[in-house]
Amino acid sequence: MNKRRGIILAISGASFWGTSGVAVQYLYQHTSITSAWLVAMRLIGAGLLLVAWAHNKYHGEITTLLHDKRSWPELLPFSIIGVGGSQFTYFTAVQYSNASTATVIQFLSPLFIIAYMLLIKRIFPKRIELISVFVAIIGTVILVTDGHLDHLSLSPQALIWGLLAAFCTAMEVVIPSKLMKHYQTIPLTGVSMLFCGICLSPVFMLTSWPTLAFFEWCLIGYIIIGGTLCAYLLFLASIRYIPVSTTGMLGAFEPLVATILTVVLLGTPMSIFSLIGGSLIIIATIIQSLPIEKIIKAHKKTSWPK
């Protein structure tokens, strides 16, 4: 029962993330909204909600975090490059492509984590990680060329911003490694979002506010509440009932939901090669989430002697 609950929570969280990308694409198609303005709105709105939640659930931790001078060398780059950078680059990638493609390319973030571990930590990747890298590279080539190796099916801007989104998403995991040992995820993420949102707030004065209909304001509200607050809380809640590796695999529902809704609701064309390439990238991420060593040990214990 608990496992089923964890699976439902993980799928729901991933689905909220996926649908928020579709909402972003709709706003780009029907309004004059800019990435900087939308990201600032999301970071400030979601940051305030997460900070309020953290204040009630983890009383005093935000104050401790802000007064801990040793945390700032990690907190600042985590806020700007990790949290803010991943949001801005992802939204811009959606603007130059679509929600499905941007979400799939962002799933290449584990490749940057592997590269970081190799180049900075001098930790050579495991065999399963090398296999996942190979699969992801093949998927990326198919996705960006649409099966025709002599040209790109995506614009250079879409590819560059998508890869930047994957890089920043990887940094969102890598940078706060020490902070995560001392502080809970919700207060840490809430403070980082709010800080980065405040840094972007001058965009509200430097650019004219877009004219939006009531439905479009509702979409912005959904991006802030559903696509951020609910997604984070559901994801964290799922970890109570299922392993992190399982949650990581179920994260594949994010690009799946984004792809289905992008095609069905927004009418975005999707070729068979785009689907194959995207599927390979998602499979590569799932491969990295598999607890291979535990599976092998369990298999050895249950296998009959030969």
C-alpha atoms as a PDB file:
ATOM      1  CA  MET A   1       0.000   0.000   0.000  1.00  0.00           C
ATOM      2  CA  ASN A   2       2.791   2.417   0.946  1.00  0.00           C
ATOM      3  CA  LYS A   3       4.718   1.541  -2.198  1.00  0.00           C
ATOM      4  CA  ARG A   4       1.644   2.219  -4.342  1.00  0.00           C
ATOM      5  CA  ARG A   5       1.183   5.550  -2.580  1.00  0.00           C
ATOM      6  CA  GLY A   6       4.820   6.472  -3.259  1.00  0.00           C
ATOM      7  CA  ILE A   7       4.490   5.590  -6.934  1.00  0.00           C
ATOM      8  CA  ILE A   8       1.331   7.708  -7.271  1.00  0.00           C
ATOM      9  CA  LEU A   9       3.020  10.641  -5.538  1.00  0.00           C
ATOM     10  CA  ALA A  10       6.125  10.413  -7.761  1.00  0.00           C
ATOM     11  CA  ILE A  11       4.081  10.181 -10.972  1.00  0.00           C
ATOM     12  CA  SER A  12       1.906  13.097  -9.853  1.00  0.00           C
ATOM     13  CA  GLY A  13       4.931  15.263  -9.096  1.00  0.00           C
ATOM     14  CA  ALA A  14       6.541  14.482 -12.454  1.00  0.00           C
ATOM     15  CA  SER A  15       3.229  15.146 -14.214  1.00  0.00           C
ATOM     16  CA  PHE A  16       2.925  18.566 -12.567  1.00  0.00           C
ATOM     17  CA  TRP A  17       6.389  19.446 -13.858  1.00  0.00           C
ATOM     18  CA  GLY A  18       5.512  18.212 -17.340  1.00  0.00           C
ATOM     19  CA  THR A  19       2.208  20.092 -17.552  1.00  0.00           C
ATOM     20  CA  SER A  20       3.831  23.343 -16.380  1.00  0.00           C
ATOM     21  CA  GLY A  21       6.122  23.202 -19.418  1.00  0.00           C
ATOM     22  CA  VAL A  22       3.080  22.896 -21.663  1.00  0.00           C
ATOM     23  CA  ALA A  23       1.533  25.930 -19.929  1.00  0.00           C
ATOM     24  CA  VAL A  24       4.738  27.874 -20.608  1.00  0.00           C
ATOM     25  CA  GLN A  25       4.595  26.951 -24.302  1.00  0.00           C
ATOM     26  CA  TYR A  26       0.958  28.088 -24.516  1.00  0.00           C
ATOM     27  CA  LEU A  27       1.868  31.470 -23.008  1.00  0.00           C
ATOM     28  CA  TYR A  28       4.673  31.927 -25.522  1.00  0.00           C
ATOM     29  CA  GLN A  29       2.351  31.103 -28.404  1.00  0.00           C
ATOM     30  CA  HIS A  30      -0.502  33.406 -27.355  1.00  0.00           C
ATOM     31  CA  THR A  31       1.108  36.321 -25.484  1.00  0.00           C
ATOM     32  CA  SER A  32       4.106  38.648 -25.691  1.00  0.00           C
ATOM     33  CA  ILE A  33       5.490  37.299 -22.427  1.00  0.00           C
ATOM     34  CA  THR A  34       9.290  37.010 -22.069  1.00  0.00           C
ATOM     35  CA  SER A  35      11.360  34.332 -20.374  1.00  0.00           C
ATOM     36  CA  ALA A  36      12.925  36.756 -17.889  1.00  0.00           C
ATOM     37  CA  TRP A  37       9.528  38.123 -16.811  1.00  0.00           C
ATOM     38  CA  LEU A  38       7.941  34.675 -16.474  1.00  0.00           C
ATOM     39  CA  VAL A  39      10.918  33.200 -14.615  1.00  0.00           C
ATOM     40  CA  ALA A  40      10.965  36.144 -12.197  1.00  0.00           C
ATOM     41  CA  MET A  41       7.245  35.656 -11.516  1.00  0.00           C
ATOM     42  CA  ARG A  42       7.677  31.941 -10.951  1.00  0.00           C
ATOM     43  CA  LEU A  43      10.717  32.246  -8.704  1.00  0.00           C
ATOM     44  CA  ILE A  44       9.244  34.963  -6.510  1.00  0.00           C
ATOM     45  CA  GLY A  45       5.816  33.326  -6.275  1.00  0.00           C
ATOM     46  CA  ALA A  46       7.073  29.801  -5.710  1.00  0.00           C
ATOM     47  CA  GLY A  47       9.882  31.032  -3.460  1.00  0.00           C
ATOM     48  CA  LEU A  48       7.424  32.823  -1.162  1.00  0.00           C
ATOM     49  CA  LEU A  49       5.189  29.739  -0.983  1.00  0.00           C
ATOM     50  CA  LEU A  50       8.078  27.361  -0.241  1.00  0.00           C
ATOM     51  CA  VAL A  51       9.572  29.721   2.352  1.00  0.00           C
ATOM     52  CA  ALA A  52       6.171  30.020   4.065  1.00  0.00           C
ATOM     53  CA  TRP A  53       5.798  26.229   4.025  1.00  0.00           C
ATOM     54  CA  ALA A  54       9.331  25.750   5.354  1.00  0.00           C
ATOM     55  CA  HIS A  55       8.774  28.321   8.109  1.00  0.00           C
ATOM     56  CA  ASN A  56       5.872  26.274   9.463  1.00  0.00           C
ATOM     57  CA  LYS A  57       7.364  22.820   8.945  1.00  0.00           C
ATOM     58  CA  TYR A  58      11.062  23.480   9.644  1.00  0.00           C
ATOM     59  CA  HIS A  59      10.860  26.282  12.178  1.00  0.00           C
ATOM     60  CA  GLY A  60      14.088  28.259  12.503  1.00  0.00           C
ATOM     61  CA  GLU A  61      15.984  26.497   9.719  1.00  0.00           C
ATOM     62  CA  ILE A  62      15.671  29.391   7.247  1.00  0.00           C
ATOM     63  CA  THR A  63      17.071  31.815   9.834  1.00  0.00           C
ATOM     64  CA  THR A  64      19.931  29.434  10.544  1.00  0.00           C
ATOM     65  CA  LEU A  65      20.657  29.077   6.823  1.00  0.00           C
ATOM     66  CA  LEU A  66      20.715  32.822   6.191  1.00  0.00           C
ATOM     67  CA  HIS A  67      22.931  33.530   9.227  1.00  0.00           C
ATOM     68  CA  ASP A  68      25.392  30.757   8.377  1.00  0.00           C
ATOM     69  CA  LYS A  69      28.174  32.630   6.534  1.00  0.00           C
ATOM     70  CA  ARG A  70      29.795  29.337   5.567  1.00  0.00           C
ATOM     71  CA  SER A  71      26.726  28.418   3.495  1.00  0.00           C
ATOM     72  CA  TRP A  72      26.832  31.451   1.211  1.00  0.00           C
ATOM     73  CA  PRO A  73      29.702  30.282  -1.068  1.00  0.00           C
ATOM     74  CA  GLU A  74      27.417  27.391  -2.086  1.00  0.00           C
ATOM     75  CA  LEU A  75      24.054  29.105  -1.623  1.00  0.00           C
ATOM     76  CA  LEU A  76      24.747  31.945  -4.075  1.00  0.00           C
ATOM     77  CA  PRO A  77      25.866  29.818  -7.057  1.00  0.00           C
ATOM     78  CA  PHE A  78      23.155  27.271  -6.265  1.00  0.00           C
ATOM     79  CA  SER A  79      20.554  30.055  -6.392  1.00  0.00           C
ATOM     80  CA  ILE A  80      21.820  31.767  -9.547  1.00  0.00           C
ATOM     81  CA  ILE A  81      23.250  28.922 -11.633  1.00  0.00           C
ATOM     82  CA  GLY A  82      21.278  25.962 -10.315  1.00  0.00           C
ATOM     83  CA  VAL A  83      17.783  27.155  -9.418  1.00  0.00           C
ATOM     84  CA  GLY A  84      17.508  30.363 -11.461  1.00  0.00           C
ATOM     85  CA  GLY A  85      19.704  29.174 -14.316  1.00  0.00           C
ATOM     86  CA  SER A  86      17.807  25.926 -14.822  1.00  0.00           C
ATOM     87  CA  GLN A  87      14.474  27.786 -14.865  1.00  0.00           C
ATOM     88  CA  PHE A  88      15.570  30.507 -17.295  1.00  0.00           C
ATOM     89  CA  THR A  89      17.377  28.207 -19.714  1.00  0.00           C
ATOM     90  CA  TYR A  90      14.507  25.702 -19.719  1.00  0.00           C
ATOM     91  CA  PHE A  91      11.870  28.375 -20.357  1.00  0.00           C
ATOM     92  CA  THR A  92      14.000  29.832 -23.152  1.00  0.00           C
ATOM     93  CA  ALA A  93      14.470  26.368 -24.669  1.00  0.00           C
ATOM     94  CA  VAL A  94      10.677  25.974 -24.673  1.00  0.00           C
ATOM     95  CA  GLN A  95      10.408  29.341 -26.431  1.00  0.00           C
ATOM     96  CA  TYR A  96      12.752  28.249 -29.231  1.00  0.00           C
ATOM     97  CA  SER A  97      11.349  24.699 -29.556  1.00  0.00           C
ATOM     98  CA  ASN A  98       8.460  23.246 -27.548  1.00  0.00           C
ATOM     99  CA  ALA A  99       7.773  21.864 -24.086  1.00  0.00           C
ATOM    100  CA  SER A 100       8.351  18.254 -25.095  1.00  0.00           C
ATOM    101  CA  THR A 101      11.710  18.795 -26.802  1.00  0.00           C
ATOM    102  CA  ALA A 102      13.014  21.136 -24.103  1.00  0.00           C
ATOM    103  CA  THR A 103      12.031  18.694 -21.346  1.00  0.00           C
ATOM    104  CA  VAL A 104      13.665  15.751 -23.103  1.00  0.00           C
ATOM    105  CA  ILE A 105      16.931  17.623 -23.745  1.00  0.00           C
ATOM    106  CA  GLN A 106      16.955  18.735 -20.111  1.00  0.00           C
ATOM    107  CA  PHE A 107      16.967  15.043 -19.215  1.00  0.00           C
ATOM    108  CA  LEU A 108      20.575  14.962 -20.454  1.00  0.00           C
ATOM    109  CA  SER A 109      21.617  16.500 -17.134  1.00  0.00           C
ATOM    110  CA  PRO A 110      23.036  13.189 -15.777  1.00  0.00           C
ATOM    111  CA  LEU A 111      25.653  13.330 -18.555  1.00  0.00           C
ATOM    112  CA  PHE A 112      26.961  16.597 -17.146  1.00  0.00           C
ATOM    113  CA  ILE A 113      26.988  15.097 -13.652  1.00  0.00           C
ATOM    114  CA  ILE A 114      29.056  12.166 -14.942  1.00  0.00           C
ATOM    115  CA  ALA A 115      31.423  14.605 -16.689  1.00  0.00           C
ATOM    116  CA  TYR A 116      31.760  16.621 -13.485  1.00  0.00           C
ATOM    117  CA  MET A 117      32.575  13.522 -11.441  1.00  0.00           C
ATOM    118  CA  LEU A 118      35.205  12.507 -14.011  1.00  0.00           C
ATOM    119  CA  LEU A 119      36.867  15.882 -14.590  1.00  0.00           C
ATOM    120  CA  ILE A 120      36.616  17.441 -11.123  1.00  0.00           C
ATOM    121  CA  LYS A 121      36.352  14.518  -8.698  1.00  0.00           C
ATOM    122  CA  ARG A 122      38.470  12.156 -10.822  1.00  0.00           C
ATOM    123  CA  ILE A 123      35.883   9.411 -10.385  1.00  0.00           C
ATOM    124  CA  PHE A 124      35.640   7.259 -13.507  1.00  0.00           C
ATOM    125  CA  PRO A 125      32.064   6.356 -14.486  1.00  0.00           C
ATOM    126  CA  LYS A 126      30.777   2.838 -13.995  1.00  0.00           C
ATOM    127  CA  ARG A 127      30.032   0.577 -16.926  1.00  0.00           C
ATOM    128  CA  ILE A 128      26.281   1.154 -16.652  1.00  0.00           C
ATOM    129  CA  GLU A 129      26.876   4.915 -16.702  1.00  0.00           C
ATOM    130  CA  LEU A 130      28.983   4.637 -19.856  1.00  0.00           C
ATOM    131  CA  ILE A 131      26.217   2.616 -21.487  1.00  0.00           C
ATOM    132  CA  SER A 132      23.655   5.268 -20.533  1.00  0.00           C
ATOM    133  CA  VAL A 133      25.913   8.010 -21.963  1.00  0.00           C
ATOM    134  CA  PHE A 134      26.188   6.104 -25.258  1.00  0.00           C
ATOM    135  CA  VAL A 135      22.408   5.622 -25.434  1.00  0.00           C
ATOM    136  CA  ALA A 136      21.787   9.292 -24.574  1.00  0.00           C
ATOM    137  CA  ILE A 137      24.192  10.523 -27.257  1.00  0.00           C
ATOM    138  CA  ILE A 138      22.499   8.362 -29.903  1.00  0.00           C
ATOM    139  CA  GLY A 139      19.106   9.645 -28.773  1.00  0.00           C
ATOM    140  CA  THR A 140      20.285  13.242 -28.896  1.00  0.00           C
ATOM    141  CA  VAL A 141      21.678  12.863 -32.422  1.00  0.00           C
ATOM    142  CA  ILE A 142      18.412  11.323 -33.630  1.00  0.00           C
ATOM    143  CA  LEU A 143      16.349  13.991 -31.866  1.00  0.00           C
ATOM    144  CA  VAL A 144      18.237  17.020 -33.188  1.00  0.00           C
ATOM    145  CA  THR A 145      18.630  15.675 -36.746  1.00  0.00           C
ATOM    146  CA  ASP A 146      15.214  13.993 -37.030  1.00  0.00           C
ATOM    147  CA  GLY A 147      16.959  10.995 -38.558  1.00  0.00           C
ATOM    148  CA  HIS A 148      18.769  13.038 -41.240  1.00  0.00           C
ATOM    149  CA  LEU A 149      22.412  13.427 -40.276  1.00  0.00           C
ATOM    150  CA  ASP A 150      23.088  16.120 -42.871  1.00  0.00           C
ATOM    151  CA  HIS A 151      21.050  18.825 -41.105  1.00  0.00           C
ATOM    152  CA  LEU A 152      19.531  19.871 -37.775  1.00  0.00           C
ATOM    153  CA  SER A 153      15.798  19.625 -37.221  1.00  0.00           C
ATOM    154  CA  LEU A 154      16.083  22.006 -34.250  1.00  0.00           C
ATOM    155  CA  SER A 155      17.286  25.569 -34.422  1.00  0.00           C
ATOM    156  CA  PRO A 156      20.776  26.141 -32.957  1.00  0.00           C
ATOM    157  CA  GLN A 157      19.160  28.350 -30.287  1.00  0.00           C
ATOM    158  CA  ALA A 158      16.830  25.537 -29.191  1.00  0.00           C
ATOM    159  CA  LEU A 159      19.702  23.054 -28.951  1.00  0.00           C
ATOM    160  CA  ILE A 160      22.039  25.438 -27.121  1.00  0.00           C
ATOM    161  CA  TRP A 161      19.421  26.571 -24.581  1.00  0.00           C
ATOM    162  CA  GLY A 162      18.298  22.958 -24.080  1.00  0.00           C
ATOM    163  CA  LEU A 163      21.857  21.839 -23.335  1.00  0.00           C
ATOM    164  CA  LEU A 164      22.336  24.828 -21.034  1.00  0.00           C
ATOM    165  CA  ALA A 165      19.159  23.765 -19.217  1.00  0.00           C
ATOM    166  CA  ALA A 166      20.604  20.257 -18.802  1.00  0.00           C
ATOM    167  CA  PHE A 167      23.880  21.730 -17.520  1.00  0.00           C
ATOM    168  CA  CYS A 168      22.168  24.046 -15.009  1.00  0.00           C
ATOM    169  CA  THR A 169      19.921  21.192 -13.850  1.00  0.00           C
ATOM    170  CA  ALA A 170      23.055  19.140 -13.215  1.00  0.00           C
ATOM    171  CA  MET A 171      24.568  22.030 -11.248  1.00  0.00           C
ATOM    172  CA  GLU A 172      21.352  22.160  -9.226  1.00  0.00           C
ATOM    173  CA  VAL A 173      22.360  18.713  -7.960  1.00  0.00           C
ATOM    174  CA  VAL A 174      26.130  19.134  -7.802  1.00  0.00           C
ATOM    175  CA  ILE A 175      26.577  22.562  -6.200  1.00  0.00           C
ATOM    176  CA  PRO A 176      24.597  22.141  -2.934  1.00  0.00           C
ATOM    177  CA  SER A 177      26.082  18.764  -1.988  1.00  0.00           C
ATOM    178  CA  LYS A 178      27.375  20.059   1.375  1.00  0.00           C
ATOM    179  CA  LEU A 179      24.301  22.200   2.051  1.00  0.00           C
ATOM    180  CA  MET A 180      22.033  19.186   1.549  1.00  0.00           C
ATOM    181  CA  LYS A 181      23.786  17.449   4.453  1.00  0.00           C
ATOM    182  CA  HIS A 182      22.851  20.222   6.881  1.00  0.00           C
ATOM    183  CA  TYR A 183      19.565  21.670   5.591  1.00  0.00           C
ATOM    184  CA  GLN A 184      16.239  20.318   4.358  1.00  0.00           C
ATOM    185  CA  THR A 185      15.425  20.584   0.652  1.00  0.00           C
ATOM    186  CA  ILE A 186      12.301  22.758   0.968  1.00  0.00           C
ATOM    187  CA  PRO A 187      13.822  25.659   2.950  1.00  0.00           C
ATOM    188  CA  LEU A 188      16.992  25.519   0.858  1.00  0.00           C
ATOM    189  CA  THR A 189      15.084  25.568  -2.429  1.00  0.00           C
ATOM    190  CA  GLY A 190      12.610  28.192  -1.206  1.00  0.00           C
ATOM    191  CA  VAL A 191      15.345  30.612  -0.111  1.00  0.00           C
ATOM    192  CA  SER A 192      17.263  30.069  -3.359  1.00  0.00           C
ATOM    193  CA  MET A 193      14.168  30.673  -5.508  1.00  0.00           C
ATOM    194  CA  LEU A 194      13.203  33.812  -3.615  1.00  0.00           C
ATOM    195  CA  PHE A 195      16.745  35.186  -3.702  1.00  0.00           C
ATOM    196  CA  CYS A 196      17.118  34.610  -7.444  1.00  0.00           C
ATOM    197  CA  GLY A 197      13.618  35.979  -8.095  1.00  0.00           C
ATOM    198  CA  ILE A 198      14.485  39.189  -6.228  1.00  0.00           C
ATOM    199  CA  CYS A 199      17.662  39.494  -8.323  1.00  0.00           C
ATOM    200  CA  LEU A 200      15.505  39.254 -11.469  1.00  0.00           C
ATOM    201  CA  SER A 201      12.808  41.630 -10.168  1.00  0.00           C
ATOM    202  CA  PRO A 202      14.209  44.709 -12.002  1.00  0.00           C
ATOM    203  CA  VAL A 203      12.785  43.136 -15.172  1.00  0.00           C
ATOM    204  CA  PHE A 204       9.330  44.195 -13.929  1.00  0.00           C
ATOM    205  CA  MET A 205      10.397  47.851 -14.093  1.00  0.00           C
ATOM    206  CA  LEU A 206      12.616  47.692 -17.175  1.00  0.00           C
ATOM    207  CA  THR A 207      10.031  46.014 -19.430  1.00  0.00           C
ATOM    208  CA  SER A 208       6.344  46.663 -19.945  1.00  0.00           C
ATOM    209  CA  TRP A 209       3.978  44.148 -18.386  1.00  0.00           C
ATOM    210  CA  PRO A 210       2.240  41.901 -20.924  1.00  0.00           C
ATOM    211  CA  THR A 211      -1.496  42.214 -21.439  1.00  0.00           C
ATOM    212  CA  LEU A 212      -2.923  38.918 -20.239  1.00  0.00           C
ATOM    213  CA  ALA A 213      -6.412  37.442 -20.158  1.00  0.00           C
ATOM    214  CA  PHE A 214      -7.825  35.856 -17.003  1.00  0.00           C
ATOM    215  CA  PHE A 215      -7.080  32.338 -18.298  1.00  0.00           C
ATOM    216  CA  GLU A 216      -3.468  33.287 -18.985  1.00  0.00           C
ATOM    217  CA  TRP A 217      -3.063  34.622 -15.439  1.00  0.00           C
ATOM    218  CA  CYS A 218      -4.512  31.313 -14.231  1.00  0.00           C
ATOM    219  CA  LEU A 219      -1.806  29.489 -16.204  1.00  0.00           C
ATOM    220  CA  ILE A 220       0.867  31.587 -14.507  1.00  0.00           C
ATOM    221  CA  GLY A 221      -0.700  30.715 -11.169  1.00  0.00           C
ATOM    222  CA  TYR A 222      -0.640  27.048 -12.126  1.00  0.00           C
ATOM    223  CA  ILE A 223       3.035  27.257 -13.144  1.00  0.00           C
ATOM    224  CA  ILE A 224       3.836  28.725  -9.718  1.00  0.00           C
ATOM    225  CA  ILE A 225       1.606  26.520  -7.558  1.00  0.00           C
ATOM    226  CA  GLY A 226       1.132  23.289  -9.498  1.00  0.00           C
ATOM    227  CA  GLY A 227       4.340  23.208 -11.524  1.00  0.00           C
ATOM    228  CA  THR A 228       6.569  24.213  -8.633  1.00  0.00           C
ATOM    229  CA  LEU A 229       5.109  23.964  -5.126  1.00  0.00           C
ATOM    230  CA  CYS A 230       2.983  20.829  -5.664  1.00  0.00           C
ATOM    231  CA  ALA A 231       5.630  19.169  -7.841  1.00  0.00           C
ATOM    232  CA  TYR A 232       8.368  19.617  -5.230  1.00  0.00           C
ATOM    233  CA  LEU A 233       6.206  18.540  -2.300  1.00  0.00           C
ATOM    234  CA  LEU A 234       4.836  15.467  -4.086  1.00  0.00           C
ATOM    235  CA  PHE A 235       8.325  14.440  -5.174  1.00  0.00           C
ATOM    236  CA  LEU A 236       9.710  14.774  -1.651  1.00  0.00           C
ATOM    237  CA  ALA A 237       6.696  12.960  -0.182  1.00  0.00           C
ATOM    238  CA  SER A 238       7.210  10.009  -2.541  1.00  0.00           C
ATOM    239  CA  ILE A 239      10.703   9.394  -1.138  1.00  0.00           C
ATOM    240  CA  ARG A 240       9.117   8.394   2.177  1.00  0.00           C
ATOM    241  CA  TYR A 241       7.548   5.336   0.579  1.00  0.00           C
ATOM    242  CA  ILE A 242       9.799   4.299  -2.331  1.00  0.00           C
ATOM    243  CA  PRO A 243      13.569   4.376  -3.008  1.00  0.00           C
ATOM    244  CA  VAL A 244      15.091   7.438  -4.664  1.00  0.00           C
ATOM    245  CA  SER A 245      16.067   5.242  -7.636  1.00  0.00           C
ATOM    246  CA  THR A 246      12.406   4.377  -8.230  1.00  0.00           C
ATOM    247  CA  THR A 247      11.426   8.029  -7.957  1.00  0.00           C
ATOM    248  CA  GLY A 248      14.110   8.875 -10.507  1.00  0.00           C
ATOM    249  CA  MET A 249      12.748   6.332 -12.975  1.00  0.00           C
ATOM    250  CA  LEU A 250       9.184   7.577 -12.504  1.00  0.00           C
ATOM    251  CA  GLY A 251      10.471  11.047 -13.331  1.00  0.00           C
ATOM    252  CA  ALA A 252      10.259   9.871 -16.948  1.00  0.00           C
ATOM    253  CA  PHE A 253       6.565  10.733 -16.729  1.00  0.00           C
ATOM    254  CA  GLU A 254       7.573  14.415 -16.970  1.00  0.00           C
ATOM    255  CA  PRO A 255       8.640  14.332 -20.643  1.00  0.00           C
ATOM    256  CA  LEU A 256       5.945  11.729 -21.385  1.00  0.00           C
ATOM    257  CA  VAL A 257       3.164  13.988 -20.105  1.00  0.00           C
ATOM    258  CA  ALA A 258       4.747  17.027 -21.763  1.00  0.00           C
ATOM    259  CA  THR A 259       4.911  15.214 -25.110  1.00  0.00           C
ATOM    260  CA  ILE A 260       1.327  13.934 -25.009  1.00  0.00           C
ATOM    261  CA  LEU A 261      -0.142  17.311 -24.018  1.00  0.00           C
ATOM    262  CA  THR A 262       2.062  19.237 -26.448  1.00  0.00           C
ATOM    263  CA  VAL A 263       0.788  17.132 -29.334  1.00  0.00           C
ATOM    264  CA  VAL A 264      -2.852  16.793 -28.227  1.00  0.00           C
ATOM    265  CA  LEU A 265      -3.574  20.243 -26.803  1.00  0.00           C
ATOM    266  CA  LEU A 266      -1.172  22.515 -28.675  1.00  0.00           C
ATOM    267  CA  GLY A 267      -1.004  20.632 -31.961  1.00  0.00           C
ATOM    268  CA  THR A 268       2.792  20.501 -32.036  1.00  0.00           C
ATOM    269  CA  PRO A 269       3.931  18.085 -34.782  1.00  0.00           C
ATOM    270  CA  MET A 270       6.103  15.227 -33.565  1.00  0.00           C
ATOM    271  CA  SER A 271       7.904  12.923 -36.003  1.00  0.00           C
ATOM    272  CA  ILE A 272       8.686   9.279 -35.364  1.00  0.00           C
ATOM    273  CA  PHE A 273      12.418  10.103 -35.169  1.00  0.00           C
ATOM    274  CA  SER A 274      11.772  12.774 -32.518  1.00  0.00           C
ATOM    275  CA  LEU A 275       9.876  10.197 -30.478  1.00  0.00           C
ATOM    276  CA  ILE A 276      12.639   7.596 -30.905  1.00  0.00           C
ATOM    277  CA  GLY A 277      15.393  10.065 -29.984  1.00  0.00           C
ATOM    278  CA  GLY A 278      13.482  11.366 -26.988  1.00  0.00           C
ATOM    279  CA  SER A 279      12.703   7.838 -25.826  1.00  0.00           C
ATOM    280  CA  LEU A 280      16.385   6.878 -25.926  1.00  0.00           C
ATOM    281  CA  ILE A 281      17.323   9.884 -23.801  1.00  0.00           C
ATOM    282  CA  ILE A 282      14.638   8.963 -21.262  1.00  0.00           C
ATOM    283  CA  ILE A 283      15.778   5.316 -21.301  1.00  0.00           C
ATOM    284  CA  ALA A 284      19.349   6.465 -20.642  1.00  0.00           C
ATOM    285  CA  THR A 285      18.157   8.365 -17.570  1.00  0.00           C
ATOM    286  CA  ILE A 286      16.193   5.337 -16.346  1.00  0.00           C
ATOM    287  CA  ILE A 287      19.270   3.121 -16.812  1.00  0.00           C
ATOM    288  CA  GLN A 288      21.236   5.430 -14.505  1.00  0.00           C
ATOM    289  CA  SER A 289      18.464   5.223 -11.914  1.00  0.00           C
ATOM    290  CA  LEU A 290      18.482   1.439 -11.796  1.00  0.00           C
ATOM    291  CA  PRO A 291      20.126  -0.011  -8.674  1.00  0.00           C
ATOM    292  CA  ILE A 292      22.133  -2.452 -10.816  1.00  0.00           C
ATOM    293  CA  GLU A 293      24.528  -3.554  -8.072  1.00  0.00           C
ATOM    294  CA  LYS A 294      21.673  -4.409  -5.698  1.00  0.00           C
ATOM    295  CA  ILE A 295      19.886  -6.324  -8.459  1.00  0.00           C
ATOM    296  CA  ILE A 296      23.018  -8.355  -9.205  1.00  0.00           C
ATOM    297  CA  LYS A 297      23.559  -9.149  -5.514  1.00  0.00           C
ATOM    298  CA  ALA A 298      19.930 -10.165  -5.092  1.00  0.00           C
ATOM    299  CA  HIS A 299      20.161 -12.342  -8.190  1.00  0.00           C
ATOM    300  CA  LYS A 300      23.270 -14.100  -6.854  1.00  0.00           C
ATOM    301  CA  LYS A 301      21.539 -14.789  -3.537  1.00  0.00           C
ATOM    302  CA  THR A 302      18.445 -16.257  -5.167  1.00  0.00           C
ATOM    303  CA  SER A 303      20.194 -18.159  -7.970  1.00  0.00           C
ATOM    304  CA  TRP A 304      20.611 -21.922  -7.718  1.00  0.00           C
ATOM    305  CA  PRO A 305      24.229 -23.089  -7.490  1.00  0.00           C
ATOM    306  CA  LYS A 306      25.572 -24.563 -10.718  1.00  0.00           C
END
